[in-house]
PDB file of N, CA and C in Angstrom:
ATOM      1  N   MET A   1       0.823  -1.208   0.000  1.00  0.00           N
ATOM      2  CA  MET A   1       0.000   0.000   0.000  1.00  0.00           C
ATOM      3  C   MET A   1       0.858   1.261   0.000  1.00  0.00           C
ATOM      4  N   HIS A   2       1.978   1.221   0.668  1.00  0.00           N
ATOM      5  CA  HIS A   2       2.805   2.421   0.772  1.00  0.00           C
ATOM      6  C   HIS A   2       3.324   2.878  -0.587  1.00  0.00           C
ATOM      7  N   HIS A   3       3.543   1.935  -1.492  1.00  0.00           N
ATOM      8  CA  HIS A   3       4.058   2.307  -2.807  1.00  0.00           C
ATOM      9  C   HIS A   3       3.030   3.108  -3.604  1.00  0.00           C
ATOM     10  N   VAL A   4       1.773   2.759  -3.493  1.00  0.00           N
ATOM     11  CA  VAL A   4       0.739   3.475  -4.255  1.00  0.00           C
ATOM     12  C   VAL A   4       0.608   4.912  -3.751  1.00  0.00           C
ATOM     13  N   GLN A   5       0.912   5.139  -2.500  1.00  0.00           N
ATOM     14  CA  GLN A   5       0.799   6.477  -1.939  1.00  0.00           C
ATOM     15  C   GLN A   5       1.824   7.443  -2.525  1.00  0.00           C
ATOM     16  N   ARG A   6       2.808   6.915  -3.224  1.00  0.00           N
ATOM     17  CA  ARG A   6       3.794   7.768  -3.890  1.00  0.00           C
ATOM     18  C   ARG A   6       3.340   8.187  -5.285  1.00  0.00           C
ATOM     19  N   LEU A   7       2.323   7.541  -5.806  1.00  0.00           N
ATOM     20  CA  LEU A   7       1.836   7.849  -7.153  1.00  0.00           C
ATOM     21  C   LEU A   7       1.092   9.184  -7.181  1.00  0.00           C
ATOM     22  N   GLU A   8       1.483  10.040  -8.086  1.00  0.00           N
ATOM     23  CA  GLU A   8       0.841  11.350  -8.233  1.00  0.00           C
ATOM     24  C   GLU A   8      -0.650  11.207  -8.533  1.00  0.00           C
ATOM     25  N   ALA A   9      -0.987  10.265  -9.410  1.00  0.00           N
ATOM     26  CA  ALA A   9      -2.396  10.050  -9.771  1.00  0.00           C
ATOM     27  C   ALA A   9      -3.221   9.700  -8.542  1.00  0.00           C
ATOM     28  N   TRP A  10      -2.691   8.846  -7.703  1.00  0.00           N
ATOM     29  CA  TRP A  10      -3.414   8.431  -6.501  1.00  0.00           C
ATOM     30  C   TRP A  10      -3.583   9.603  -5.541  1.00  0.00           C
ATOM     31  N   LYS A  11      -2.500  10.367  -5.326  1.00  0.00           N
ATOM     32  CA  LYS A  11      -2.557  11.512  -4.407  1.00  0.00           C
ATOM     33  C   LYS A  11      -3.596  12.538  -4.860  1.00  0.00           C
ATOM     34  N   ILE A  12      -3.593  12.866  -6.137  1.00  0.00           N
ATOM     35  CA  ILE A  12      -4.524  13.863  -6.656  1.00  0.00           C
ATOM     36  C   ILE A  12      -5.954  13.328  -6.613  1.00  0.00           C
ATOM     37  N   ALA A  13      -6.109  12.035  -6.842  1.00  0.00           N
ATOM     38  CA  ALA A  13      -7.447  11.429  -6.756  1.00  0.00           C
ATOM     39  C   ALA A  13      -7.983  11.484  -5.324  1.00  0.00           C
ATOM     40  N   ILE A  14      -7.115  11.266  -4.350  1.00  0.00           N
ATOM     41  CA  ILE A  14      -7.528  11.371  -2.944  1.00  0.00           C
ATOM     42  C   ILE A  14      -7.927  12.813  -2.622  1.00  0.00           C
ATOM     43  N   ASP A  15      -7.165  13.766  -3.136  1.00  0.00           N
ATOM     44  CA  ASP A  15      -7.522  15.184  -2.944  1.00  0.00           C
ATOM     45  C   ASP A  15      -8.900  15.487  -3.538  1.00  0.00           C
ATOM     46  N   LEU A  16      -9.182  14.911  -4.702  1.00  0.00           N
ATOM     47  CA  LEU A  16     -10.476  15.121  -5.337  1.00  0.00           C
ATOM     48  C   LEU A  16     -11.602  14.528  -4.491  1.00  0.00           C
ATOM     49  N   VAL A  17     -11.357  13.384  -3.891  1.00  0.00           N
ATOM     50  CA  VAL A  17     -12.360  12.778  -2.996  1.00  0.00           C
ATOM     51  C   VAL A  17     -12.707  13.758  -1.871  1.00  0.00           C
ATOM     52  N   GLU A  18     -11.687  14.356  -1.294  1.00  0.00           N
ATOM     53  CA  GLU A  18     -11.927  15.336  -0.229  1.00  0.00           C
ATOM     54  C   GLU A  18     -12.753  16.518  -0.731  1.00  0.00           C
ATOM     55  N   LEU A  19     -12.430  17.003  -1.910  1.00  0.00           N
ATOM     56  CA  LEU A  19     -13.195  18.128  -2.478  1.00  0.00           C
ATOM     57  C   LEU A  19     -14.655  17.754  -2.690  1.00  0.00           C
ATOM     58  N   ILE A  20     -14.883  16.556  -3.188  1.00  0.00           N
ATOM     59  CA  ILE A  20     -16.256  16.108  -3.460  1.00  0.00           C
ATOM     60  C   ILE A  20     -17.034  15.912  -2.163  1.00  0.00           C
ATOM     61  N   TYR A  21     -16.416  15.328  -1.170  1.00  0.00           N
ATOM     62  CA  TYR A  21     -17.109  15.169   0.112  1.00  0.00           C
ATOM     63  C   TYR A  21     -17.453  16.535   0.709  1.00  0.00           C
ATOM     64  N   GLY A  22     -16.533  17.466   0.590  1.00  0.00           N
ATOM     65  CA  GLY A  22     -16.796  18.820   1.088  1.00  0.00           C
ATOM     66  C   GLY A  22     -17.934  19.494   0.338  1.00  0.00           C
ATOM     67  N   ALA A  23     -17.928  19.355  -0.976  1.00  0.00           N
ATOM     68  CA  ALA A  23     -18.966  19.987  -1.800  1.00  0.00           C
ATOM     69  C   ALA A  23     -20.343  19.389  -1.546  1.00  0.00           C
ATOM     70  N   THR A  24     -20.397  18.075  -1.329  1.00  0.00           N
ATOM     71  CA  THR A  24     -21.698  17.421  -1.184  1.00  0.00           C
ATOM     72  C   THR A  24     -22.284  17.538   0.225  1.00  0.00           C
ATOM     73  N   LYS A  25     -21.506  18.026   1.183  1.00  0.00           N
ATOM     74  CA  LYS A  25     -22.026  18.211   2.542  1.00  0.00           C
ATOM     75  C   LYS A  25     -23.235  19.141   2.570  1.00  0.00           C
ATOM     76  N   SER A  26     -23.239  20.106   1.675  1.00  0.00           N
ATOM     77  CA  SER A  26     -24.314  21.096   1.690  1.00  0.00           C
ATOM     78  C   SER A  26     -25.465  20.749   0.742  1.00  0.00           C
ATOM     79  N   PHE A  27     -25.415  19.590   0.113  1.00  0.00           N
ATOM     80  CA  PHE A  27     -26.498  19.193  -0.787  1.00  0.00           C
ATOM     81  C   PHE A  27     -27.776  18.968   0.028  1.00  0.00           C
ATOM     82  N   PRO A  28     -28.930  19.104  -0.609  1.00  0.00           N
ATOM     83  CA  PRO A  28     -30.196  18.862   0.102  1.00  0.00           C
ATOM     84  C   PRO A  28     -30.244  17.453   0.701  1.00  0.00           C
ATOM     85  N   ARG A  29     -30.870  17.353   1.827  1.00  0.00           N
ATOM     86  CA  ARG A  29     -30.976  16.072   2.545  1.00  0.00           C
ATOM     87  C   ARG A  29     -31.620  14.987   1.680  1.00  0.00           C
ATOM     88  N   ASP A  30     -32.563  15.370   0.839  1.00  0.00           N
ATOM     89  CA  ASP A  30     -33.239  14.364   0.018  1.00  0.00           C
ATOM     90  C   ASP A  30     -32.351  13.825  -1.111  1.00  0.00           C
ATOM     91  N   GLU A  31     -31.154  14.364  -1.255  1.00  0.00           N
ATOM     92  CA  GLU A  31     -30.198  13.860  -2.248  1.00  0.00           C
ATOM     93  C   GLU A  31     -29.203  12.874  -1.646  1.00  0.00           C
ATOM     94  N   ILE A  32     -29.319  12.567  -0.354  1.00  0.00           N
ATOM     95  CA  ILE A  32     -28.341  11.718   0.317  1.00  0.00           C
ATOM     96  C   ILE A  32     -28.204  10.352  -0.367  1.00  0.00           C
ATOM     97  N   TYR A  33     -29.288   9.809  -0.875  1.00  0.00           N
ATOM     98  CA  TYR A  33     -29.227   8.516  -1.561  1.00  0.00           C
ATOM     99  C   TYR A  33     -29.226   8.690  -3.078  1.00  0.00           C
ATOM    100  N   GLY A  34     -29.206   9.920  -3.522  1.00  0.00           N
ATOM    101  CA  GLY A  34     -29.186  10.214  -4.945  1.00  0.00           C
ATOM    102  C   GLY A  34     -27.849  10.765  -5.375  1.00  0.00           C
ATOM    103  N   LEU A  35     -27.845  12.022  -5.747  1.00  0.00           N
ATOM    104  CA  LEU A  35     -26.650  12.647  -6.306  1.00  0.00           C
ATOM    105  C   LEU A  35     -25.480  12.672  -5.325  1.00  0.00           C
ATOM    106  N   THR A  36     -25.735  12.921  -4.064  1.00  0.00           N
ATOM    107  CA  THR A  36     -24.653  12.934  -3.069  1.00  0.00           C
ATOM    108  C   THR A  36     -23.930  11.593  -3.066  1.00  0.00           C
ATOM    109  N   SER A  37     -24.693  10.522  -2.945  1.00  0.00           N
ATOM    110  CA  SER A  37     -24.127   9.183  -2.913  1.00  0.00           C
ATOM    111  C   SER A  37     -23.408   8.846  -4.220  1.00  0.00           C
ATOM    112  N   GLN A  38     -24.022   9.177  -5.347  1.00  0.00           N
ATOM    113  CA  GLN A  38     -23.421   8.883  -6.650  1.00  0.00           C
ATOM    114  C   GLN A  38     -22.088   9.604  -6.824  1.00  0.00           C
ATOM    115  N   MET A  39     -22.047  10.872  -6.452  1.00  0.00           N
ATOM    116  CA  MET A  39     -20.815  11.645  -6.598  1.00  0.00           C
ATOM    117  C   MET A  39     -19.712  11.093  -5.696  1.00  0.00           C
ATOM    118  N   ARG A  40     -20.067  10.775  -4.484  1.00  0.00           N
ATOM    119  CA  ARG A  40     -19.065  10.255  -3.552  1.00  0.00           C
ATOM    120  C   ARG A  40     -18.542   8.896  -4.002  1.00  0.00           C
ATOM    121  N   ARG A  41     -19.431   8.044  -4.466  1.00  0.00           N
ATOM    122  CA  ARG A  41     -19.010   6.713  -4.921  1.00  0.00           C
ATOM    123  C   ARG A  41     -18.122   6.808  -6.148  1.00  0.00           C
ATOM    124  N   ALA A  42     -18.482   7.671  -7.092  1.00  0.00           N
ATOM    125  CA  ALA A  42     -17.658   7.836  -8.299  1.00  0.00           C
ATOM    126  C   ALA A  42     -16.286   8.390  -7.930  1.00  0.00           C
ATOM    127  N   ALA A  43     -16.258   9.362  -7.025  1.00  0.00           N
ATOM    128  CA  ALA A  43     -14.981   9.962  -6.610  1.00  0.00           C
ATOM    129  C   ALA A  43     -14.096   8.931  -5.927  1.00  0.00           C
ATOM    130  N   VAL A  44     -14.646   8.155  -5.018  1.00  0.00           N
ATOM    131  CA  VAL A  44     -13.884   7.151  -4.280  1.00  0.00           C
ATOM    132  C   VAL A  44     -13.380   6.049  -5.220  1.00  0.00           C
ATOM    133  N   SER A  45     -14.140   5.758  -6.246  1.00  0.00           N
ATOM    134  CA  SER A  45     -13.764   4.727  -7.207  1.00  0.00           C
ATOM    135  C   SER A  45     -12.453   5.037  -7.922  1.00  0.00           C
ATOM    136  N   VAL A  46     -12.161   6.315  -8.127  1.00  0.00           N
ATOM    137  CA  VAL A  46     -10.966   6.673  -8.892  1.00  0.00           C
ATOM    138  C   VAL A  46      -9.678   6.244  -8.169  1.00  0.00           C
ATOM    139  N   PRO A  47      -9.400   6.726  -6.942  1.00  0.00           N
ATOM    140  CA  PRO A  47      -8.165   6.281  -6.295  1.00  0.00           C
ATOM    141  C   PRO A  47      -8.186   4.795  -5.947  1.00  0.00           C
ATOM    142  N   ALA A  48      -9.379   4.253  -5.692  1.00  0.00           N
ATOM    143  CA  ALA A  48      -9.471   2.823  -5.380  1.00  0.00           C
ATOM    144  C   ALA A  48      -9.028   1.985  -6.581  1.00  0.00           C
ATOM    145  N   ASN A  49      -9.420   2.385  -7.776  1.00  0.00           N
ATOM    146  CA  ASN A  49      -9.018   1.633  -8.963  1.00  0.00           C
ATOM    147  C   ASN A  49      -7.561   1.860  -9.322  1.00  0.00           C
ATOM    148  N   VAL A  50      -7.055   3.053  -9.079  1.00  0.00           N
ATOM    149  CA  VAL A  50      -5.622   3.297  -9.280  1.00  0.00           C
ATOM    150  C   VAL A  50      -4.831   2.370  -8.353  1.00  0.00           C
ATOM    151  N   ALA A  51      -5.245   2.305  -7.101  1.00  0.00           N
ATOM    152  CA  ALA A  51      -4.555   1.451  -6.129  1.00  0.00           C
ATOM    153  C   ALA A  51      -4.681  -0.019  -6.490  1.00  0.00           C
ATOM    154  N   GLU A  52      -5.874  -0.449  -6.870  1.00  0.00           N
ATOM    155  CA  GLU A  52      -6.064  -1.856  -7.209  1.00  0.00           C
ATOM    156  C   GLU A  52      -5.227  -2.243  -8.423  1.00  0.00           C
ATOM    157  N   GLY A  53      -5.240  -1.399  -9.430  1.00  0.00           N
ATOM    158  CA  GLY A  53      -4.436  -1.681 -10.614  1.00  0.00           C
ATOM    159  C   GLY A  53      -2.953  -1.725 -10.297  1.00  0.00           C
ATOM    160  N   HIS A  54      -2.515  -0.779  -9.476  1.00  0.00           N
ATOM    161  CA  HIS A  54      -1.104  -0.715  -9.079  1.00  0.00           C
ATOM    162  C   HIS A  54      -0.689  -1.980  -8.328  1.00  0.00           C
ATOM    163  N   GLY A  55      -1.617  -2.551  -7.605  1.00  0.00           N
ATOM    164  CA  GLY A  55      -1.325  -3.743  -6.823  1.00  0.00           C
ATOM    165  C   GLY A  55      -1.422  -5.042  -7.601  1.00  0.00           C
ATOM    166  N   ARG A  56      -1.847  -4.972  -8.841  1.00  0.00           N
ATOM    167  CA  ARG A  56      -1.982  -6.186  -9.653  1.00  0.00           C
ATOM    168  C   ARG A  56      -0.633  -6.652 -10.173  1.00  0.00           C
ATOM    169  N   ASP A  57      -0.599  -7.903 -10.611  1.00  0.00           N
ATOM    170  CA  ASP A  57       0.646  -8.510 -11.076  1.00  0.00           C
ATOM    171  C   ASP A  57       0.987  -8.190 -12.528  1.00  0.00           C
ATOM    172  N   SER A  58       0.025  -7.716 -13.293  1.00  0.00           N
ATOM    173  CA  SER A  58       0.319  -7.504 -14.709  1.00  0.00           C
ATOM    174  C   SER A  58       0.017  -6.073 -15.141  1.00  0.00           C
ATOM    175  N   THR A  59       0.757  -5.633 -16.122  1.00  0.00           N
ATOM    176  CA  THR A  59       0.546  -4.306 -16.701  1.00  0.00           C
ATOM    177  C   THR A  59      -0.834  -4.220 -17.337  1.00  0.00           C
ATOM    178  N   ARG A  60      -1.259  -5.312 -17.962  1.00  0.00           N
ATOM    179  CA  ARG A  60      -2.581  -5.343 -18.601  1.00  0.00           C
ATOM    180  C   ARG A  60      -3.692  -5.109 -17.567  1.00  0.00           C
ATOM    181  N   ASP A  61      -3.575  -5.736 -16.401  1.00  0.00           N
ATOM    182  CA  ASP A  61      -4.563  -5.526 -15.333  1.00  0.00           C
ATOM    183  C   ASP A  61      -4.524  -4.089 -14.822  1.00  0.00           C
ATOM    184  N   TYR A  62      -3.319  -3.559 -14.685  1.00  0.00           N
ATOM    185  CA  TYR A  62      -3.148  -2.177 -14.232  1.00  0.00           C
ATOM    186  C   TYR A  62      -3.831  -1.235 -15.214  1.00  0.00           C
ATOM    187  N   LEU A  63      -3.586  -1.458 -16.490  1.00  0.00           N
ATOM    188  CA  LEU A  63      -4.185  -0.636 -17.542  1.00  0.00           C
ATOM    189  C   LEU A  63      -5.711  -0.712 -17.498  1.00  0.00           C
ATOM    190  N   HIS A  64      -6.220  -1.897 -17.246  1.00  0.00           N
ATOM    191  CA  HIS A  64      -7.679  -2.082 -17.146  1.00  0.00           C
ATOM    192  C   HIS A  64      -8.258  -1.246 -16.001  1.00  0.00           C
ATOM    193  N   HIS A  65      -7.599  -1.249 -14.872  1.00  0.00           N
ATOM    194  CA  HIS A  65      -8.097  -0.495 -13.718  1.00  0.00           C
ATOM    195  C   HIS A  65      -7.956   1.014 -13.924  1.00  0.00           C
ATOM    196  N   ILE A  66      -6.942   1.446 -14.653  1.00  0.00           N
ATOM    197  CA  ILE A  66      -6.826   2.869 -14.974  1.00  0.00           C
ATOM    198  C   ILE A  66      -7.989   3.269 -15.877  1.00  0.00           C
ATOM    199  N   SER A  67      -8.352   2.393 -16.781  1.00  0.00           N
ATOM    200  CA  SER A  67      -9.506   2.653 -17.653  1.00  0.00           C
ATOM    201  C   SER A  67     -10.792   2.793 -16.831  1.00  0.00           C
ATOM    202  N   ILE A  68     -10.967   1.937 -15.854  1.00  0.00           N
ATOM    203  CA  ILE A  68     -12.140   2.024 -14.972  1.00  0.00           C
ATOM    204  C   ILE A  68     -12.104   3.338 -14.195  1.00  0.00           C
ATOM    205  N   ALA A  69     -10.933   3.715 -13.690  1.00  0.00           N
ATOM    206  CA  ALA A  69     -10.790   4.980 -12.957  1.00  0.00           C
ATOM    207  C   ALA A  69     -11.177   6.158 -13.844  1.00  0.00           C
ATOM    208  N   MET A  70     -10.758   6.113 -15.110  1.00  0.00           N
ATOM    209  CA  MET A  70     -11.094   7.198 -16.031  1.00  0.00           C
ATOM    210  C   MET A  70     -12.600   7.252 -16.301  1.00  0.00           C
ATOM    211  N   GLY A  71     -13.237   6.099 -16.363  1.00  0.00           N
ATOM    212  CA  GLY A  71     -14.688   6.058 -16.525  1.00  0.00           C
ATOM    213  C   GLY A  71     -15.406   6.653 -15.318  1.00  0.00           C
ATOM    214  N   SER A  72     -14.928   6.331 -14.131  1.00  0.00           N
ATOM    215  CA  SER A  72     -15.513   6.891 -12.905  1.00  0.00           C
ATOM    216  C   SER A  72     -15.308   8.399 -12.850  1.00  0.00           C
ATOM    217  N   LEU A  73     -14.165   8.849 -13.319  1.00  0.00           N
ATOM    218  CA  LEU A  73     -13.891  10.282 -13.350  1.00  0.00           C
ATOM    219  C   LEU A  73     -14.835  10.999 -14.314  1.00  0.00           C
ATOM    220  N   ALA A  74     -15.098  10.405 -15.464  1.00  0.00           N
ATOM    221  CA  ALA A  74     -16.040  10.993 -16.422  1.00  0.00           C
ATOM    222  C   ALA A  74     -17.451  11.029 -15.831  1.00  0.00           C
ATOM    223  N   GLU A  75     -17.815   9.981 -15.119  1.00  0.00           N
ATOM    224  CA  GLU A  75     -19.104   9.936 -14.432  1.00  0.00           C
ATOM    225  C   GLU A  75     -19.188  11.062 -13.406  1.00  0.00           C
ATOM    226  N   LEU A  76     -18.139  11.218 -12.623  1.00  0.00           N
ATOM    227  CA  LEU A  76     -18.096  12.256 -11.600  1.00  0.00           C
ATOM    228  C   LEU A  76     -18.235  13.644 -12.211  1.00  0.00           C
ATOM    229  N   GLU A  77     -17.537  13.882 -13.296  1.00  0.00           N
ATOM    230  CA  GLU A  77     -17.611  15.182 -13.955  1.00  0.00           C
ATOM    231  C   GLU A  77     -19.049  15.475 -14.411  1.00  0.00           C
ATOM    232  N   THR A  78     -19.723  14.467 -14.898  1.00  0.00           N
ATOM    233  CA  THR A  78     -21.132  14.616 -15.296  1.00  0.00           C
ATOM    234  C   THR A  78     -22.003  14.955 -14.088  1.00  0.00           C
ATOM    235  N   HIS A  79     -21.754  14.294 -12.976  1.00  0.00           N
ATOM    236  CA  HIS A  79     -22.507  14.582 -11.747  1.00  0.00           C
ATOM    237  C   HIS A  79     -22.272  16.021 -11.280  1.00  0.00           C
ATOM    238  N   VAL A  80     -21.049  16.504 -11.433  1.00  0.00           N
ATOM    239  CA  VAL A  80     -20.733  17.888 -11.047  1.00  0.00           C
ATOM    240  C   VAL A  80     -21.549  18.863 -11.894  1.00  0.00           C
ATOM    241  N   VAL A  81     -21.649  18.584 -13.189  1.00  0.00           N
ATOM    242  CA  VAL A  81     -22.444  19.444 -14.076  1.00  0.00           C
ATOM    243  C   VAL A  81     -23.913  19.417 -13.652  1.00  0.00           C
ATOM    244  N   ILE A  82     -24.415  18.245 -13.343  1.00  0.00           N
ATOM    245  CA  ILE A  82     -25.815  18.116 -12.901  1.00  0.00           C
ATOM    246  C   ILE A  82     -26.035  18.888 -11.596  1.00  0.00           C
ATOM    247  N   ALA A  83     -25.103  18.749 -10.666  1.00  0.00           N
ATOM    248  CA  ALA A  83     -25.200  19.473  -9.389  1.00  0.00           C
ATOM    249  C   ALA A  83     -25.238  20.978  -9.639  1.00  0.00           C
ATOM    250  N   GLY A  84     -24.471  21.440 -10.598  1.00  0.00           N
ATOM    251  CA  GLY A  84     -24.494  22.855 -10.954  1.00  0.00           C
ATOM    252  C   GLY A  84     -25.833  23.274 -11.538  1.00  0.00           C
ATOM    253  N   ARG A  85     -26.377  22.435 -12.388  1.00  0.00           N
ATOM    254  CA  ARG A  85     -27.673  22.738 -13.012  1.00  0.00           C
ATOM    255  C   ARG A  85     -28.788  22.861 -11.977  1.00  0.00           C
ATOM    256  N   PHE A  86     -28.706  22.069 -10.925  1.00  0.00           N
ATOM    257  CA  PHE A  86     -29.715  22.116  -9.873  1.00  0.00           C
ATOM    258  C   PHE A  86     -29.407  23.155  -8.806  1.00  0.00           C
ATOM    259  N   GLY A  87     -28.285  23.828  -8.952  1.00  0.00           N
ATOM    260  CA  GLY A  87     -27.922  24.869  -8.000  1.00  0.00           C
ATOM    261  C   GLY A  87     -27.358  24.352  -6.692  1.00  0.00           C
ATOM    262  N   TYR A  88     -26.902  23.101  -6.678  1.00  0.00           N
ATOM    263  CA  TYR A  88     -26.336  22.533  -5.458  1.00  0.00           C
ATOM    264  C   TYR A  88     -24.906  23.000  -5.227  1.00  0.00           C
ATOM    265  N   VAL A  89     -24.235  23.427  -6.293  1.00  0.00           N
ATOM    266  CA  VAL A  89     -22.899  24.012  -6.186  1.00  0.00           C
ATOM    267  C   VAL A  89     -22.912  25.350  -6.912  1.00  0.00           C
ATOM    268  N   ARG A  90     -22.162  26.291  -6.384  1.00  0.00           N
ATOM    269  CA  ARG A  90     -22.046  27.591  -7.033  1.00  0.00           C
ATOM    270  C   ARG A  90     -21.224  27.445  -8.313  1.00  0.00           C
ATOM    271  N   THR A  91     -21.357  28.390  -9.204  1.00  0.00           N
ATOM    272  CA  THR A  91     -20.645  28.345 -10.470  1.00  0.00           C
ATOM    273  C   THR A  91     -19.138  28.242 -10.267  1.00  0.00           C
ATOM    274  N   ALA A  92     -18.593  29.033  -9.351  1.00  0.00           N
ATOM    275  CA  ALA A  92     -17.145  29.006  -9.092  1.00  0.00           C
ATOM    276  C   ALA A  92     -16.719  27.647  -8.544  1.00  0.00           C
ATOM    277  N   GLN A  93     -17.516  27.090  -7.655  1.00  0.00           N
ATOM    278  CA  GLN A  93     -17.191  25.783  -7.079  1.00  0.00           C
ATOM    279  C   GLN A  93     -17.279  24.702  -8.162  1.00  0.00           C
ATOM    280  N   GLN A  94     -18.298  24.792  -8.999  1.00  0.00           N
ATOM    281  CA  GLN A  94     -18.443  23.833 -10.083  1.00  0.00           C
ATOM    282  C   GLN A  94     -17.222  23.894 -10.999  1.00  0.00           C
ATOM    283  N   GLN A  95     -16.810  25.093 -11.353  1.00  0.00           N
ATOM    284  CA  GLN A  95     -15.649  25.265 -12.226  1.00  0.00           C
ATOM    285  C   GLN A  95     -14.390  24.689 -11.581  1.00  0.00           C
ATOM    286  N   SER A  96     -14.224  24.917 -10.305  1.00  0.00           N
ATOM    287  CA  SER A  96     -13.071  24.386  -9.580  1.00  0.00           C
ATOM    288  C   SER A  96     -13.065  22.860  -9.585  1.00  0.00           C
ATOM    289  N   LEU A  97     -14.225  22.256  -9.384  1.00  0.00           N
ATOM    290  CA  LEU A  97     -14.326  20.799  -9.391  1.00  0.00           C
ATOM    291  C   LEU A  97     -14.053  20.236 -10.784  1.00  0.00           C
ATOM    292  N   ILE A  98     -14.572  20.896 -11.808  1.00  0.00           N
ATOM    293  CA  ILE A  98     -14.333  20.466 -13.199  1.00  0.00           C
ATOM    294  C   ILE A  98     -12.839  20.562 -13.515  1.00  0.00           C
ATOM    295  N   GLU A  99     -12.200  21.643 -13.077  1.00  0.00           N
ATOM    296  CA  GLU A  99     -10.757  21.795 -13.304  1.00  0.00           C
ATOM    297  C   GLU A  99      -9.965  20.701 -12.598  1.00  0.00           C
ATOM    298  N   ALA A 100     -10.380  20.342 -11.389  1.00  0.00           N
ATOM    299  CA  ALA A 100      -9.715  19.260 -10.658  1.00  0.00           C
ATOM    300  C   ALA A 100      -9.886  17.926 -11.394  1.00  0.00           C
ATOM    301  N   CYS A 101     -11.078  17.701 -11.927  1.00  0.00           N
ATOM    302  CA  CYS A 101     -11.327  16.487 -12.718  1.00  0.00           C
ATOM    303  C   CYS A 101     -10.455  16.476 -13.974  1.00  0.00           C
ATOM    304  N   ASP A 102     -10.365  17.617 -14.646  1.00  0.00           N
ATOM    305  CA  ASP A 102      -9.550  17.722 -15.858  1.00  0.00           C
ATOM    306  C   ASP A 102      -8.083  17.438 -15.565  1.00  0.00           C
ATOM    307  N   LYS A 103      -7.581  18.011 -14.487  1.00  0.00           N
ATOM    308  CA  LYS A 103      -6.176  17.797 -14.105  1.00  0.00           C
ATOM    309  C   LYS A 103      -5.915  16.318 -13.854  1.00  0.00           C
ATOM    310  N   LEU A 104      -6.792  15.696 -13.092  1.00  0.00           N
ATOM    311  CA  LEU A 104      -6.631  14.282 -12.802  1.00  0.00           C
ATOM    312  C   LEU A 104      -6.758  13.453 -14.081  1.00  0.00           C
ATOM    313  N   GLY A 105      -7.662  13.832 -14.940  1.00  0.00           N
ATOM    314  CA  GLY A 105      -7.833  13.124 -16.209  1.00  0.00           C
ATOM    315  C   GLY A 105      -6.558  13.156 -17.048  1.00  0.00           C
ATOM    316  N   ARG A 106      -5.896  14.301 -17.097  1.00  0.00           N
ATOM    317  CA  ARG A 106      -4.629  14.406 -17.842  1.00  0.00           C
ATOM    318  C   ARG A 106      -3.574  13.482 -17.244  1.00  0.00           C
ATOM    319  N   ILE A 107      -3.520  13.432 -15.927  1.00  0.00           N
ATOM    320  CA  ILE A 107      -2.540  12.575 -15.262  1.00  0.00           C
ATOM    321  C   ILE A 107      -2.851  11.095 -15.523  1.00  0.00           C
ATOM    322  N   LEU A 108      -4.111  10.735 -15.451  1.00  0.00           N
ATOM    323  CA  LEU A 108      -4.496   9.344 -15.718  1.00  0.00           C
ATOM    324  C   LEU A 108      -4.216   8.969 -17.172  1.00  0.00           C
ATOM    325  N   ARG A 109      -4.466   9.890 -18.096  1.00  0.00           N
ATOM    326  CA  ARG A 109      -4.169   9.610 -19.508  1.00  0.00           C
ATOM    327  C   ARG A 109      -2.667   9.417 -19.710  1.00  0.00           C
ATOM    328  N   GLY A 110      -1.860  10.208 -19.011  1.00  0.00           N
ATOM    329  CA  GLY A 110      -0.409  10.042 -19.086  1.00  0.00           C
ATOM    330  C   GLY A 110       0.027   8.685 -18.546  1.00  0.00           C
ATOM    331  N   LEU A 111      -0.561   8.283 -17.428  1.00  0.00           N
ATOM    332  CA  LEU A 111      -0.259   6.982 -16.850  1.00  0.00           C
ATOM    333  C   LEU A 111      -0.702   5.876 -17.804  1.00  0.00           C
ATOM    334  N   GLN A 112      -1.861   6.043 -18.385  1.00  0.00           N
ATOM    335  CA  GLN A 112      -2.380   5.065 -19.342  1.00  0.00           C
ATOM    336  C   GLN A 112      -1.432   4.932 -20.544  1.00  0.00           C
ATOM    337  N   LYS A 113      -0.983   6.051 -21.055  1.00  0.00           N
ATOM    338  CA  LYS A 113      -0.068   6.045 -22.204  1.00  0.00           C
ATOM    339  C   LYS A 113       1.228   5.324 -21.843  1.00  0.00           C
ATOM    340  N   SER A 114       1.760   5.622 -20.666  1.00  0.00           N
ATOM    341  CA  SER A 114       2.986   4.984 -20.198  1.00  0.00           C
ATOM    342  C   SER A 114       2.813   3.471 -20.070  1.00  0.00           C
ATOM    343  N   LEU A 115       1.680   3.050 -19.522  1.00  0.00           N
ATOM    344  CA  LEU A 115       1.425   1.618 -19.369  1.00  0.00           C
ATOM    345  C   LEU A 115       1.257   0.934 -20.719  1.00  0.00           C
ATOM    346  N   LYS A 116       0.612   1.613 -21.671  1.00  0.00           N
ATOM    347  CA  LYS A 116       0.461   1.045 -23.019  1.00  0.00           C
ATOM    348  C   LYS A 116       1.823   0.874 -23.683  1.00  0.00           C
ATOM    349  N   GLN A 117       2.696   1.850 -23.501  1.00  0.00           N
ATOM    350  CA  GLN A 117       4.050   1.749 -24.070  1.00  0.00           C
ATOM    351  C   GLN A 117       4.805   0.571 -23.432  1.00  0.00           C
ATOM    352  N   LYS A 118       4.676   0.444 -22.128  1.00  0.00           N
ATOM    353  CA  LYS A 118       5.337  -0.659 -21.431  1.00  0.00           C
ATOM    354  C   LYS A 118       4.817  -1.998 -21.944  1.00  0.00           C
ATOM    355  N   LEU A 119       3.515  -2.068 -22.168  1.00  0.00           N
ATOM    356  CA  LEU A 119       2.887  -3.287 -22.644  1.00  0.00           C
ATOM    357  C   LEU A 119       3.370  -3.624 -24.062  1.00  0.00           C
ATOM    358  N   SER A 120       3.511  -2.609 -24.897  1.00  0.00           N
ATOM    359  CA  SER A 120       3.933  -2.850 -26.282  1.00  0.00           C
ATOM    360  C   SER A 120       5.397  -3.280 -26.369  1.00  0.00           C
ATOM    361  N   ARG A 121       6.198  -2.918 -25.379  1.00  0.00           N
ATOM    362  CA  ARG A 121       7.609  -3.323 -25.355  1.00  0.00           C
ATOM    363  C   ARG A 121       7.784  -4.763 -24.868  1.00  0.00           C
ATOM    364  N   SER A 122       6.770  -5.275 -24.194  1.00  0.00           N
ATOM    365  CA  SER A 122       6.910  -6.629 -23.632  1.00  0.00           C
ATOM    366  C   SER A 122       6.695  -7.700 -24.690  1.00  0.00           C
TER     367      SER A 122
END
């Protein structure tokens, strides 16, 4: 576990989880099993899949889990837009969350590219 904590992708994903939990604290109570839960689950899925992939024995498995993490990140970004549409997050907060998702997405794409190159060399 300690090795995954050195990964930039994992660290930034954990930071995003904190941002999402903070943002969803103020959501309406009737969203606790709806958008709040969906956003939190999608956010938590990203570092969890980075960690799971990192802990696997093969590059192919790692690449698969990075792909899942990227899918969860895209889901989360969609939830952020929906939260903005319903007025659950302010425009500035929504923009900040989208920027955090974009930053993490770039890092995950870089990791994905690196893993694909490693796989092609094997």
